[in-house]
Amino acid sequence: MSIRPITDTLRHIGGGTFMDQASEELAALVSAVDASGKGGTLTLTIAVKKATRGGAMHIAGKVAVKKPGDEPMEAMLFATPEGNLIAEDPRQQKLDLKQVSGASDAPPSNLKTA
């Protein structure tokens, strides 16, 4: 008698739901890896123990997935001499910008090029 493929045994675990769950988790993992560009893992664990003296075996399966982590949220802030973080560079001079009256009503002019 030749050795049977492992998939024959996996189909019996949980009445076939183990294979369905593993397939769904693999599809979700592939999507997560494709979206993030980072790797992940799918681990199938099969536990085997003798159930009786008659030769029966108890087979249990477990699916574990490690998806790629989400990118951390970031902000670029500047340190002050006091050790605080602020959004504007404290070493850079502030510009006193003002709106020119009437300029917003006129359409932009076309520049002629040589």
C-alpha atoms as a PDB file:
ATOM      1  CA  MET A   1       0.000   0.000   0.000  1.00  0.00           C
ATOM      2  CA  SER A   2       1.376   3.411  -0.953  1.00  0.00           C
ATOM      3  CA  ILE A   3       1.361   6.459   1.295  1.00  0.00           C
ATOM      4  CA  ARG A   4      -1.808   8.536   0.942  1.00  0.00           C
ATOM      5  CA  PRO A   5      -1.512  12.276   0.285  1.00  0.00           C
ATOM      6  CA  ILE A   6      -1.800  14.417   3.409  1.00  0.00           C
ATOM      7  CA  THR A   7      -4.709  16.302   1.860  1.00  0.00           C
ATOM      8  CA  ASP A   8      -6.826  13.133   2.162  1.00  0.00           C
ATOM      9  CA  THR A   9      -6.356  13.265   5.940  1.00  0.00           C
ATOM     10  CA  LEU A  10      -6.808  17.043   6.168  1.00  0.00           C
ATOM     11  CA  ARG A  11     -10.209  16.753   4.488  1.00  0.00           C
ATOM     12  CA  HIS A  12     -11.461  14.632   7.416  1.00  0.00           C
ATOM     13  CA  ILE A  13     -10.509  17.115  10.159  1.00  0.00           C
ATOM     14  CA  GLY A  14     -13.594  18.992  11.300  1.00  0.00           C
ATOM     15  CA  GLY A  15     -15.659  17.401   8.569  1.00  0.00           C
ATOM     16  CA  GLY A  16     -13.801  19.415   5.945  1.00  0.00           C
ATOM     17  CA  THR A  17     -14.058  22.765   7.725  1.00  0.00           C
ATOM     18  CA  PHE A  18     -10.337  22.689   8.619  1.00  0.00           C
ATOM     19  CA  MET A  19      -9.390  22.783   4.924  1.00  0.00           C
ATOM     20  CA  ASP A  20     -11.988  25.506   4.268  1.00  0.00           C
ATOM     21  CA  GLN A  21     -10.660  27.631   7.132  1.00  0.00           C
ATOM     22  CA  ALA A  22      -7.044  27.149   6.013  1.00  0.00           C
ATOM     23  CA  SER A  23      -7.975  28.114   2.442  1.00  0.00           C
ATOM     24  CA  GLU A  24      -9.811  31.266   3.596  1.00  0.00           C
ATOM     25  CA  GLU A  25      -6.935  32.279   5.880  1.00  0.00           C
ATOM     26  CA  LEU A  26      -4.424  31.748   3.067  1.00  0.00           C
ATOM     27  CA  ALA A  27      -6.449  33.961   0.715  1.00  0.00           C
ATOM     28  CA  ALA A  28      -6.660  36.696   3.390  1.00  0.00           C
ATOM     29  CA  LEU A  29      -2.916  36.418   4.036  1.00  0.00           C
ATOM     30  CA  VAL A  30      -2.090  36.705   0.330  1.00  0.00           C
ATOM     31  CA  SER A  31      -4.249  39.846   0.084  1.00  0.00           C
ATOM     32  CA  ALA A  32      -2.586  41.385   3.155  1.00  0.00           C
ATOM     33  CA  VAL A  33       0.916  40.633   1.827  1.00  0.00           C
ATOM     34  CA  ASP A  34      -0.003  42.024  -1.593  1.00  0.00           C
ATOM     35  CA  ALA A  35      -1.364  45.234  -0.048  1.00  0.00           C
ATOM     36  CA  SER A  36       1.515  45.826   2.384  1.00  0.00           C
ATOM     37  CA  GLY A  37       4.473  44.366   0.504  1.00  0.00           C
ATOM     38  CA  LYS A  38       5.568  42.668   3.722  1.00  0.00           C
ATOM     39  CA  GLY A  39       5.602  38.930   4.436  1.00  0.00           C
ATOM     40  CA  GLY A  40       3.370  36.858   6.651  1.00  0.00           C
ATOM     41  CA  THR A  41       2.983  33.210   7.625  1.00  0.00           C
ATOM     42  CA  LEU A  42       0.290  30.555   7.688  1.00  0.00           C
ATOM     43  CA  THR A  43       1.002  27.676  10.054  1.00  0.00           C
ATOM     44  CA  LEU A  44      -0.975  24.435  10.015  1.00  0.00           C
ATOM     45  CA  THR A  45      -0.572  22.299  13.119  1.00  0.00           C
ATOM     46  CA  ILE A  46      -1.673  18.677  13.051  1.00  0.00           C
ATOM     47  CA  ALA A  47      -1.762  16.826  16.382  1.00  0.00           C
ATOM     48  CA  VAL A  48      -1.970  13.024  16.385  1.00  0.00           C
ATOM     49  CA  LYS A  49      -2.624  10.821  19.391  1.00  0.00           C
ATOM     50  CA  LYS A  50      -3.777   7.280  19.871  1.00  0.00           C
ATOM     51  CA  ALA A  51      -7.484   7.166  20.744  1.00  0.00           C
ATOM     52  CA  THR A  52      -7.900   3.493  21.696  1.00  0.00           C
ATOM     53  CA  ARG A  53      -6.055   0.228  21.793  1.00  0.00           C
ATOM     54  CA  GLY A  54      -7.770  -0.785  18.564  1.00  0.00           C
ATOM     55  CA  GLY A  55      -5.525   1.368  16.402  1.00  0.00           C
ATOM     56  CA  ALA A  56      -7.789   4.439  16.022  1.00  0.00           C
ATOM     57  CA  MET A  57      -6.068   7.821  15.986  1.00  0.00           C
ATOM     58  CA  HIS A  58      -7.377  11.168  17.119  1.00  0.00           C
ATOM     59  CA  ILE A  59      -6.323  13.909  14.660  1.00  0.00           C
ATOM     60  CA  ALA A  60      -6.682  17.606  15.509  1.00  0.00           C
ATOM     61  CA  GLY A  61      -5.830  20.547  13.286  1.00  0.00           C
ATOM     62  CA  LYS A  62      -5.202  24.202  13.999  1.00  0.00           C
ATOM     63  CA  VAL A  63      -4.642  27.147  11.656  1.00  0.00           C
ATOM     64  CA  ALA A  64      -2.500  30.088  12.824  1.00  0.00           C
ATOM     65  CA  VAL A  65      -1.924  33.183  10.692  1.00  0.00           C
ATOM     66  CA  LYS A  66       0.560  35.985  11.197  1.00  0.00           C
ATOM     67  CA  LYS A  67      -0.378  38.813   8.874  1.00  0.00           C
ATOM     68  CA  PRO A  68       1.955  41.692   8.086  1.00  0.00           C
ATOM     69  CA  GLY A  69       1.623  44.524  10.574  1.00  0.00           C
ATOM     70  CA  ASP A  70      -0.032  47.803   9.733  1.00  0.00           C
ATOM     71  CA  GLU A  71       2.193  50.735   8.944  1.00  0.00           C
ATOM     72  CA  PRO A  72       2.655  52.971  11.991  1.00  0.00           C
ATOM     73  CA  MET A  73       1.047  56.404  11.951  1.00  0.00           C
ATOM     74  CA  GLU A  74       3.634  59.164  11.696  1.00  0.00           C
ATOM     75  CA  ALA A  75       4.041  62.892  12.173  1.00  0.00           C
ATOM     76  CA  MET A  76       7.035  65.152  11.634  1.00  0.00           C
ATOM     77  CA  LEU A  77       7.455  67.477  14.593  1.00  0.00           C
ATOM     78  CA  PHE A  78      10.206  69.790  15.787  1.00  0.00           C
ATOM     79  CA  ALA A  79      11.859  69.777  19.205  1.00  0.00           C
ATOM     80  CA  THR A  80      11.980  72.965  21.271  1.00  0.00           C
ATOM     81  CA  PRO A  81      14.805  73.765  23.728  1.00  0.00           C
ATOM     82  CA  GLU A  82      12.365  72.840  26.532  1.00  0.00           C
ATOM     83  CA  GLY A  83      11.916  69.344  25.090  1.00  0.00           C
ATOM     84  CA  ASN A  84       8.439  69.891  23.649  1.00  0.00           C
ATOM     85  CA  LEU A  85       7.335  68.831  20.178  1.00  0.00           C
ATOM     86  CA  ILE A  86       5.630  71.338  17.892  1.00  0.00           C
ATOM     87  CA  ALA A  87       4.470  71.323  14.270  1.00  0.00           C
ATOM     88  CA  GLU A  88       6.448  74.402  13.153  1.00  0.00           C
ATOM     89  CA  ASP A  89      10.233  74.688  13.153  1.00  0.00           C
ATOM     90  CA  PRO A  90      11.091  77.052  16.036  1.00  0.00           C
ATOM     91  CA  ARG A  91      14.386  78.059  14.339  1.00  0.00           C
ATOM     92  CA  GLN A  92      12.630  79.278  11.198  1.00  0.00           C
ATOM     93  CA  GLN A  93      11.463  82.874  11.023  1.00  0.00           C
ATOM     94  CA  LYS A  94       7.739  83.413  10.504  1.00  0.00           C
ATOM     95  CA  LEU A  95       6.713  85.323   7.391  1.00  0.00           C
ATOM     96  CA  ASP A  96       4.093  88.043   7.787  1.00  0.00           C
ATOM     97  CA  LEU A  97       2.046  87.216   4.678  1.00  0.00           C
ATOM     98  CA  LYS A  98      -0.863  89.476   3.717  1.00  0.00           C
ATOM     99  CA  GLN A  99      -3.575  89.216   1.086  1.00  0.00           C
ATOM    100  CA  VAL A 100      -3.546  91.863  -1.614  1.00  0.00           C
ATOM    101  CA  SER A 101      -7.008  93.379  -1.972  1.00  0.00           C
ATOM    102  CA  GLY A 102      -8.728  92.986  -5.325  1.00  0.00           C
ATOM    103  CA  ALA A 103      -6.187  90.473  -6.624  1.00  0.00           C
ATOM    104  CA  SER A 104      -8.426  87.478  -5.930  1.00  0.00           C
ATOM    105  CA  ASP A 105     -11.178  88.750  -8.314  1.00  0.00           C
ATOM    106  CA  ALA A 106      -8.971  89.015 -11.400  1.00  0.00           C
ATOM    107  CA  PRO A 107      -8.362  85.908 -13.528  1.00  0.00           C
ATOM    108  CA  PRO A 108      -4.772  84.726 -13.731  1.00  0.00           C
ATOM    109  CA  SER A 109      -2.840  86.233 -16.599  1.00  0.00           C
ATOM    110  CA  ASN A 110      -1.159  84.181 -19.272  1.00  0.00           C
ATOM    111  CA  LEU A 111       2.589  84.482 -19.504  1.00  0.00           C
ATOM    112  CA  LYS A 112       4.124  84.585 -22.951  1.00  0.00           C
ATOM    113  CA  THR A 113       7.144  82.417 -23.536  1.00  0.00           C
ATOM    114  CA  ALA A 114       9.912  83.049 -26.042  1.00  0.00           C
END
